[in-house]
N, C-alpha and C. Protein backbone atom coordinates (compact mmCIF):
# COMPACT_ATOMS: atom_id res chain seq x y z
N MET A 1 44.04 -12.19 9.55
CA MET A 1 43.53 -11.79 8.26
C MET A 1 42.29 -12.58 7.88
N HIS A 2 42.30 -13.90 8.16
CA HIS A 2 41.18 -14.75 7.82
C HIS A 2 39.93 -14.39 8.65
N ARG A 3 40.16 -14.07 9.92
CA ARG A 3 39.05 -13.66 10.78
C ARG A 3 38.43 -12.36 10.34
N GLY A 4 39.21 -11.44 9.85
CA GLY A 4 38.72 -10.15 9.34
C GLY A 4 37.81 -10.31 8.16
N ARG A 5 38.14 -11.23 7.25
CA ARG A 5 37.28 -11.48 6.10
C ARG A 5 35.99 -12.10 6.52
N LEU A 6 36.05 -13.04 7.47
CA LEU A 6 34.83 -13.68 7.94
C LEU A 6 33.91 -12.68 8.65
N THR A 7 34.46 -11.79 9.39
CA THR A 7 33.68 -10.73 10.03
C THR A 7 33.06 -9.81 8.99
N ALA A 8 33.77 -9.50 7.92
CA ALA A 8 33.24 -8.68 6.86
C ALA A 8 32.10 -9.36 6.15
N VAL A 9 32.22 -10.70 5.93
CA VAL A 9 31.14 -11.46 5.29
C VAL A 9 29.88 -11.46 6.16
N PHE A 10 30.03 -11.72 7.45
CA PHE A 10 28.91 -11.67 8.37
C PHE A 10 28.29 -10.31 8.43
N ARG A 11 29.09 -9.27 8.42
CA ARG A 11 28.57 -7.90 8.44
C ARG A 11 27.75 -7.58 7.18
N ALA A 12 28.26 -8.06 6.01
CA ALA A 12 27.51 -7.90 4.77
C ALA A 12 26.22 -8.67 4.78
N MET A 13 26.24 -9.89 5.30
CA MET A 13 25.04 -10.70 5.41
C MET A 13 24.01 -10.02 6.32
N ASP A 14 24.47 -9.46 7.39
CA ASP A 14 23.53 -8.75 8.31
C ASP A 14 22.96 -7.52 7.69
N ARG A 15 23.76 -6.84 6.90
CA ARG A 15 23.29 -5.60 6.25
C ARG A 15 22.25 -5.89 5.17
N HIS A 16 22.39 -7.01 4.49
CA HIS A 16 21.52 -7.37 3.36
C HIS A 16 20.59 -8.57 3.74
N ARG A 17 20.24 -8.71 5.02
CA ARG A 17 19.47 -9.88 5.42
C ARG A 17 18.09 -9.97 4.81
N ALA A 18 17.44 -8.85 4.55
CA ALA A 18 16.13 -8.90 3.95
C ALA A 18 16.20 -9.42 2.51
N LEU A 19 17.20 -8.97 1.76
CA LEU A 19 17.37 -9.44 0.39
C LEU A 19 17.76 -10.93 0.40
N LEU A 20 18.61 -11.33 1.33
CA LEU A 20 19.00 -12.76 1.41
C LEU A 20 17.79 -13.63 1.76
N MET A 21 16.94 -13.14 2.68
CA MET A 21 15.74 -13.95 3.04
C MET A 21 14.82 -14.03 1.83
N PHE A 22 14.62 -12.94 1.08
CA PHE A 22 13.83 -12.97 -0.10
C PHE A 22 14.38 -13.97 -1.13
N LEU A 23 15.68 -13.90 -1.38
CA LEU A 23 16.29 -14.83 -2.38
C LEU A 23 16.22 -16.26 -1.88
N GLY A 24 16.39 -16.51 -0.59
CA GLY A 24 16.27 -17.85 -0.05
C GLY A 24 14.86 -18.40 -0.21
N THR A 25 13.86 -17.58 0.11
CA THR A 25 12.49 -17.99 -0.04
C THR A 25 12.12 -18.26 -1.50
N TYR A 26 12.57 -17.39 -2.38
CA TYR A 26 12.33 -17.56 -3.78
C TYR A 26 12.99 -18.83 -4.33
N LEU A 27 14.22 -19.12 -3.91
CA LEU A 27 14.92 -20.30 -4.31
C LEU A 27 14.23 -21.56 -3.78
N PHE A 28 13.80 -21.54 -2.52
CA PHE A 28 13.11 -22.68 -1.92
C PHE A 28 11.84 -22.95 -2.66
N LEU A 29 11.03 -21.94 -2.91
CA LEU A 29 9.77 -22.15 -3.61
C LEU A 29 9.96 -22.57 -5.05
N SER A 30 11.03 -22.08 -5.69
CA SER A 30 11.35 -22.49 -7.04
C SER A 30 11.70 -23.96 -7.13
N LEU A 31 12.34 -24.46 -6.09
CA LEU A 31 12.73 -25.86 -6.10
C LEU A 31 11.56 -26.81 -5.77
N PHE A 32 10.67 -26.41 -4.86
CA PHE A 32 9.66 -27.32 -4.36
C PHE A 32 8.24 -27.06 -4.89
N ALA A 33 7.98 -25.93 -5.50
CA ALA A 33 6.65 -25.67 -6.13
C ALA A 33 6.85 -25.74 -7.62
N PRO A 34 6.17 -26.66 -8.28
CA PRO A 34 6.45 -26.93 -9.68
C PRO A 34 6.31 -25.70 -10.62
N ASN A 35 5.31 -24.89 -10.42
CA ASN A 35 5.05 -23.79 -11.38
C ASN A 35 5.44 -22.41 -10.80
N PHE A 36 6.23 -22.41 -9.76
CA PHE A 36 6.55 -21.11 -9.15
C PHE A 36 7.53 -20.33 -10.00
N PHE A 37 8.53 -20.97 -10.51
CA PHE A 37 9.60 -20.24 -11.28
C PHE A 37 9.22 -20.19 -12.75
N THR A 38 8.15 -19.47 -13.04
CA THR A 38 7.71 -19.22 -14.41
C THR A 38 7.53 -17.72 -14.61
N LEU A 39 7.63 -17.31 -15.83
CA LEU A 39 7.48 -15.90 -16.18
C LEU A 39 6.09 -15.41 -15.78
N TYR A 40 5.08 -16.20 -16.02
CA TYR A 40 3.67 -15.81 -15.70
C TYR A 40 3.54 -15.59 -14.19
N ASN A 41 4.05 -16.53 -13.40
CA ASN A 41 3.91 -16.41 -11.95
C ASN A 41 4.72 -15.21 -11.42
N THR A 42 5.91 -15.00 -11.95
CA THR A 42 6.70 -13.88 -11.49
C THR A 42 6.05 -12.55 -11.79
N THR A 43 5.52 -12.41 -13.02
CA THR A 43 4.83 -11.19 -13.34
C THR A 43 3.54 -11.02 -12.55
N SER A 44 2.88 -12.10 -12.24
CA SER A 44 1.66 -12.01 -11.39
C SER A 44 2.01 -11.55 -9.98
N ILE A 45 3.10 -12.03 -9.44
CA ILE A 45 3.54 -11.61 -8.08
C ILE A 45 3.88 -10.16 -8.11
N LEU A 46 4.65 -9.69 -9.13
CA LEU A 46 5.04 -8.32 -9.21
C LEU A 46 3.84 -7.39 -9.40
N LYS A 47 2.87 -7.80 -10.26
CA LYS A 47 1.68 -6.97 -10.43
C LYS A 47 0.87 -6.88 -9.14
N ALA A 48 0.75 -7.98 -8.44
CA ALA A 48 -0.04 -8.00 -7.21
C ALA A 48 0.60 -7.17 -6.11
N SER A 49 1.91 -7.02 -6.15
CA SER A 49 2.59 -6.32 -5.05
C SER A 49 2.85 -4.85 -5.37
N THR A 50 2.47 -4.35 -6.53
CA THR A 50 2.76 -2.96 -6.86
C THR A 50 2.01 -1.98 -5.92
N LEU A 51 0.74 -2.30 -5.63
CA LEU A 51 -0.01 -1.39 -4.75
C LEU A 51 0.59 -1.35 -3.35
N ASN A 52 1.00 -2.52 -2.85
CA ASN A 52 1.65 -2.56 -1.55
C ASN A 52 2.97 -1.77 -1.57
N GLY A 53 3.69 -1.82 -2.66
CA GLY A 53 4.93 -1.06 -2.77
C GLY A 53 4.72 0.46 -2.75
N VAL A 54 3.72 0.92 -3.46
CA VAL A 54 3.41 2.35 -3.48
C VAL A 54 2.96 2.80 -2.11
N VAL A 55 2.09 2.03 -1.48
CA VAL A 55 1.63 2.39 -0.13
C VAL A 55 2.78 2.38 0.87
N ALA A 56 3.69 1.38 0.71
CA ALA A 56 4.81 1.29 1.64
C ALA A 56 5.74 2.48 1.53
N ILE A 57 5.89 3.03 0.34
CA ILE A 57 6.71 4.25 0.17
C ILE A 57 6.12 5.39 1.00
N GLY A 58 4.81 5.65 0.83
CA GLY A 58 4.17 6.71 1.57
C GLY A 58 4.21 6.45 3.08
N PHE A 59 3.96 5.20 3.48
CA PHE A 59 3.98 4.88 4.95
C PHE A 59 5.37 5.05 5.50
N THR A 60 6.39 4.70 4.71
CA THR A 60 7.77 4.87 5.17
C THR A 60 8.13 6.34 5.43
N LEU A 61 7.65 7.22 4.57
CA LEU A 61 7.90 8.64 4.75
C LEU A 61 7.27 9.14 6.06
N ILE A 62 6.06 8.75 6.29
CA ILE A 62 5.36 9.12 7.54
C ILE A 62 6.08 8.55 8.74
N PHE A 63 6.50 7.28 8.65
CA PHE A 63 7.16 6.61 9.74
C PHE A 63 8.52 7.27 10.06
N ILE A 64 9.24 7.68 9.02
CA ILE A 64 10.55 8.34 9.20
C ILE A 64 10.34 9.67 9.98
N LEU A 65 9.23 10.31 9.75
CA LEU A 65 8.94 11.57 10.49
C LEU A 65 8.50 11.34 11.91
N GLY A 66 8.41 10.06 12.33
CA GLY A 66 8.04 9.76 13.70
C GLY A 66 6.57 9.74 13.96
N GLU A 67 5.76 9.64 12.87
CA GLU A 67 4.31 9.60 13.04
C GLU A 67 3.81 8.22 12.61
N LEU A 68 2.50 8.05 12.75
CA LEU A 68 1.89 6.74 12.37
C LEU A 68 0.60 7.04 11.67
N ASP A 69 0.34 6.32 10.58
CA ASP A 69 -0.89 6.48 9.84
C ASP A 69 -1.67 5.20 9.85
N LEU A 70 -2.67 5.11 10.62
CA LEU A 70 -3.52 3.94 10.68
C LEU A 70 -4.62 3.92 9.65
N SER A 71 -4.84 5.04 9.00
CA SER A 71 -5.93 5.17 8.04
C SER A 71 -5.52 4.82 6.62
N ILE A 72 -4.28 4.45 6.40
CA ILE A 72 -3.77 4.28 5.04
C ILE A 72 -4.54 3.18 4.30
N GLY A 73 -4.91 2.08 4.96
CA GLY A 73 -5.66 1.05 4.33
C GLY A 73 -7.07 1.47 3.94
N ALA A 74 -7.70 2.23 4.81
CA ALA A 74 -9.05 2.72 4.52
C ALA A 74 -9.03 3.74 3.39
N VAL A 75 -8.00 4.56 3.33
CA VAL A 75 -7.86 5.53 2.21
C VAL A 75 -7.70 4.78 0.90
N VAL A 76 -6.86 3.76 0.86
CA VAL A 76 -6.65 2.99 -0.34
C VAL A 76 -7.96 2.28 -0.75
N MET A 77 -8.69 1.72 0.22
CA MET A 77 -9.96 1.05 -0.09
C MET A 77 -10.96 2.06 -0.61
N LEU A 78 -11.05 3.23 0.00
CA LEU A 78 -12.02 4.22 -0.45
C LEU A 78 -11.71 4.66 -1.88
N CYS A 79 -10.44 4.98 -2.14
CA CYS A 79 -10.08 5.38 -3.49
C CYS A 79 -10.31 4.29 -4.48
N GLY A 80 -10.02 3.07 -4.09
CA GLY A 80 -10.24 1.92 -4.94
C GLY A 80 -11.74 1.64 -5.19
N MET A 81 -12.57 2.08 -4.32
CA MET A 81 -13.99 1.92 -4.47
C MET A 81 -14.60 3.08 -5.29
N LEU A 82 -13.98 4.24 -5.18
CA LEU A 82 -14.46 5.39 -5.96
C LEU A 82 -14.24 5.24 -7.47
N VAL A 83 -13.11 4.65 -7.84
CA VAL A 83 -12.79 4.54 -9.28
C VAL A 83 -13.86 3.75 -10.04
N PRO A 84 -14.16 2.52 -9.67
CA PRO A 84 -15.23 1.85 -10.43
C PRO A 84 -16.61 2.41 -10.22
N GLY A 85 -16.82 3.02 -9.07
CA GLY A 85 -18.14 3.62 -8.78
C GLY A 85 -18.41 4.86 -9.63
N LEU A 86 -17.39 5.67 -9.86
CA LEU A 86 -17.56 6.88 -10.60
C LEU A 86 -17.27 6.71 -12.12
N GLN A 87 -16.71 5.55 -12.50
CA GLN A 87 -16.32 5.35 -13.90
C GLN A 87 -17.44 5.50 -14.90
N PRO A 88 -18.65 4.99 -14.64
CA PRO A 88 -19.73 5.15 -15.65
C PRO A 88 -20.07 6.59 -15.93
N GLU A 89 -19.96 7.47 -14.93
CA GLU A 89 -20.32 8.90 -15.17
C GLU A 89 -19.15 9.73 -15.63
N LEU A 90 -17.95 9.46 -15.13
CA LEU A 90 -16.79 10.31 -15.40
C LEU A 90 -15.75 9.70 -16.34
N GLY A 91 -15.92 8.43 -16.66
CA GLY A 91 -14.88 7.76 -17.46
C GLY A 91 -13.69 7.41 -16.56
N TRP A 92 -12.74 6.67 -17.14
CA TRP A 92 -11.63 6.22 -16.34
C TRP A 92 -10.75 7.36 -15.88
N ALA A 93 -10.43 8.29 -16.73
CA ALA A 93 -9.53 9.39 -16.33
C ALA A 93 -10.16 10.24 -15.25
N GLY A 94 -11.45 10.58 -15.41
CA GLY A 94 -12.12 11.39 -14.41
C GLY A 94 -12.29 10.68 -13.05
N SER A 95 -12.60 9.40 -13.12
CA SER A 95 -12.77 8.68 -11.84
C SER A 95 -11.44 8.48 -11.10
N ILE A 96 -10.38 8.25 -11.84
CA ILE A 96 -9.08 8.14 -11.23
C ILE A 96 -8.60 9.49 -10.62
N ALA A 97 -8.90 10.55 -11.36
CA ALA A 97 -8.54 11.90 -10.84
C ALA A 97 -9.33 12.21 -9.59
N CYS A 98 -10.63 11.85 -9.56
CA CYS A 98 -11.44 12.10 -8.36
C CYS A 98 -10.94 11.28 -7.20
N ALA A 99 -10.56 10.02 -7.45
CA ALA A 99 -10.04 9.18 -6.37
C ALA A 99 -8.76 9.72 -5.81
N LEU A 100 -7.87 10.16 -6.72
CA LEU A 100 -6.59 10.76 -6.23
C LEU A 100 -6.85 12.04 -5.44
N LEU A 101 -7.78 12.85 -5.92
CA LEU A 101 -8.13 14.08 -5.20
C LEU A 101 -8.70 13.77 -3.81
N ALA A 102 -9.57 12.77 -3.74
CA ALA A 102 -10.13 12.34 -2.46
C ALA A 102 -9.05 11.89 -1.51
N GLY A 103 -8.11 11.08 -1.99
CA GLY A 103 -6.99 10.61 -1.15
C GLY A 103 -6.13 11.76 -0.68
N ALA A 104 -5.89 12.72 -1.58
CA ALA A 104 -5.07 13.90 -1.22
C ALA A 104 -5.78 14.75 -0.17
N CYS A 105 -7.09 14.91 -0.30
CA CYS A 105 -7.82 15.71 0.65
C CYS A 105 -7.84 15.04 2.05
N ILE A 106 -8.00 13.72 2.04
CA ILE A 106 -7.97 13.01 3.31
C ILE A 106 -6.57 13.17 3.97
N GLY A 107 -5.52 13.04 3.19
CA GLY A 107 -4.20 13.21 3.71
C GLY A 107 -3.96 14.65 4.21
N LEU A 108 -4.53 15.62 3.51
CA LEU A 108 -4.40 17.01 3.95
C LEU A 108 -5.12 17.23 5.27
N VAL A 109 -6.30 16.66 5.42
CA VAL A 109 -7.03 16.82 6.74
C VAL A 109 -6.24 16.16 7.82
N ASN A 110 -5.73 14.92 7.57
CA ASN A 110 -4.89 14.25 8.60
C ASN A 110 -3.68 15.08 8.96
N GLY A 111 -3.00 15.57 7.95
CA GLY A 111 -1.81 16.36 8.18
C GLY A 111 -2.04 17.65 8.92
N LEU A 112 -3.12 18.35 8.57
CA LEU A 112 -3.44 19.61 9.28
C LEU A 112 -3.84 19.35 10.74
N LEU A 113 -4.58 18.27 10.96
CA LEU A 113 -4.99 17.98 12.36
C LEU A 113 -3.74 17.59 13.20
N VAL A 114 -2.80 16.94 12.59
CA VAL A 114 -1.57 16.54 13.33
C VAL A 114 -0.64 17.72 13.49
N ALA A 115 -0.36 18.44 12.36
CA ALA A 115 0.66 19.49 12.40
C ALA A 115 0.15 20.78 13.05
N LYS A 116 -1.03 21.21 12.67
CA LYS A 116 -1.54 22.50 13.15
C LYS A 116 -2.31 22.41 14.44
N ALA A 117 -3.15 21.36 14.58
CA ALA A 117 -3.97 21.23 15.80
C ALA A 117 -3.20 20.55 16.91
N GLY A 118 -2.10 19.87 16.58
CA GLY A 118 -1.28 19.22 17.58
C GLY A 118 -1.87 17.96 18.17
N ILE A 119 -2.80 17.35 17.45
CA ILE A 119 -3.41 16.10 17.89
C ILE A 119 -2.47 14.94 17.48
N SER A 120 -2.40 13.93 18.31
CA SER A 120 -1.56 12.77 18.03
C SER A 120 -1.97 12.13 16.72
N SER A 121 -0.97 11.74 15.93
CA SER A 121 -1.28 11.06 14.64
C SER A 121 -2.00 9.78 14.84
N PHE A 122 -1.73 9.11 15.94
CA PHE A 122 -2.44 7.82 16.23
C PHE A 122 -3.92 8.11 16.37
N ILE A 123 -4.32 9.12 17.12
CA ILE A 123 -5.72 9.43 17.32
C ILE A 123 -6.39 9.95 16.06
N VAL A 124 -5.70 10.83 15.33
CA VAL A 124 -6.27 11.40 14.11
C VAL A 124 -6.55 10.31 13.08
N THR A 125 -5.53 9.51 12.85
CA THR A 125 -5.68 8.51 11.79
C THR A 125 -6.58 7.33 12.20
N LEU A 126 -6.66 7.05 13.46
CA LEU A 126 -7.60 6.04 13.95
C LEU A 126 -9.01 6.53 13.73
N GLY A 127 -9.27 7.78 14.08
CA GLY A 127 -10.61 8.37 13.83
C GLY A 127 -10.94 8.44 12.36
N MET A 128 -9.95 8.84 11.50
CA MET A 128 -10.20 8.93 10.09
C MET A 128 -10.48 7.56 9.51
N MET A 129 -9.80 6.54 10.00
CA MET A 129 -10.03 5.17 9.52
C MET A 129 -11.51 4.78 9.81
N VAL A 130 -11.98 5.04 11.00
CA VAL A 130 -13.36 4.67 11.35
C VAL A 130 -14.35 5.49 10.49
N ILE A 131 -14.09 6.77 10.32
CA ILE A 131 -14.97 7.58 9.48
C ILE A 131 -15.01 7.06 8.04
N LEU A 132 -13.84 6.76 7.47
CA LEU A 132 -13.76 6.30 6.09
C LEU A 132 -14.44 4.93 5.95
N GLU A 133 -14.29 4.05 6.88
CA GLU A 133 -14.96 2.76 6.82
C GLU A 133 -16.48 2.94 6.82
N GLY A 134 -16.98 3.89 7.61
CA GLY A 134 -18.39 4.21 7.59
C GLY A 134 -18.86 4.76 6.27
N LEU A 135 -18.06 5.68 5.72
CA LEU A 135 -18.38 6.24 4.41
C LEU A 135 -18.39 5.22 3.32
N MET A 136 -17.45 4.29 3.36
CA MET A 136 -17.41 3.22 2.36
C MET A 136 -18.64 2.31 2.46
N HIS A 137 -19.06 2.06 3.70
CA HIS A 137 -20.22 1.22 3.92
C HIS A 137 -21.49 1.92 3.36
N ILE A 138 -21.59 3.22 3.62
CA ILE A 138 -22.74 3.98 3.08
C ILE A 138 -22.66 4.04 1.56
N TYR A 139 -21.48 4.32 1.00
CA TYR A 139 -21.33 4.46 -0.45
C TYR A 139 -21.66 3.19 -1.17
N SER A 140 -21.20 2.07 -0.66
CA SER A 140 -21.40 0.80 -1.33
C SER A 140 -22.69 0.09 -0.95
N GLY A 141 -23.35 0.58 0.08
CA GLY A 141 -24.54 -0.13 0.54
C GLY A 141 -24.20 -1.45 1.21
N GLY A 142 -22.99 -1.59 1.68
CA GLY A 142 -22.58 -2.79 2.37
C GLY A 142 -22.16 -3.91 1.44
N SER A 143 -22.08 -3.65 0.14
CA SER A 143 -21.65 -4.69 -0.80
C SER A 143 -20.45 -4.21 -1.59
N SER A 144 -19.98 -5.01 -2.51
CA SER A 144 -18.82 -4.63 -3.28
C SER A 144 -19.24 -3.75 -4.46
N VAL A 145 -18.30 -2.93 -4.95
CA VAL A 145 -18.55 -2.08 -6.09
C VAL A 145 -17.78 -2.71 -7.26
N SER A 146 -18.50 -2.99 -8.35
CA SER A 146 -17.85 -3.69 -9.49
C SER A 146 -17.70 -2.70 -10.66
N VAL A 147 -16.84 -3.08 -11.58
CA VAL A 147 -16.57 -2.29 -12.74
C VAL A 147 -17.68 -2.57 -13.78
N ALA A 148 -18.33 -1.47 -14.25
CA ALA A 148 -19.39 -1.62 -15.23
C ALA A 148 -18.85 -1.95 -16.61
N SER A 149 -17.78 -1.29 -16.98
CA SER A 149 -17.21 -1.50 -18.32
C SER A 149 -15.74 -1.25 -18.28
N PHE A 150 -14.96 -2.08 -18.91
CA PHE A 150 -13.51 -1.90 -18.96
C PHE A 150 -13.09 -1.06 -20.14
N GLY A 151 -14.06 -0.66 -20.98
CA GLY A 151 -13.72 0.11 -22.16
C GLY A 151 -13.39 1.56 -21.81
N LEU A 152 -12.57 2.16 -22.67
CA LEU A 152 -12.21 3.54 -22.46
C LEU A 152 -13.32 4.40 -23.02
């Protein structure tokens, strides 16, 4: 009976190992980094990781389907560059809508090339990544794009 409980505990630890590793790291940093366990730091970490979480959801769906998307970082960078670049002319709502539309169109092109043309997702998204990086370089002139005004 005792061995059965121990096996169940180890099985539960194995099943939840990512959560346990996260909690262990958080506890370790809370003990040894003086300002880590503060409300400000926790909200900063959560705000900084929201984009990665949204991208990870999309990437997970593609990965479950047995495909691979190498262009996801370039799509995020292009959309992130379009918003402040278009904001002076279109406002925040218009620039965000255009960035979302651009990302959707890129995803549509990738999906059609993979699903209808039968080209490997590795090749399609690798090529799209290179194309998007070139477009970003042309759009920005090789420099960063900054926000002109934070006002609505």
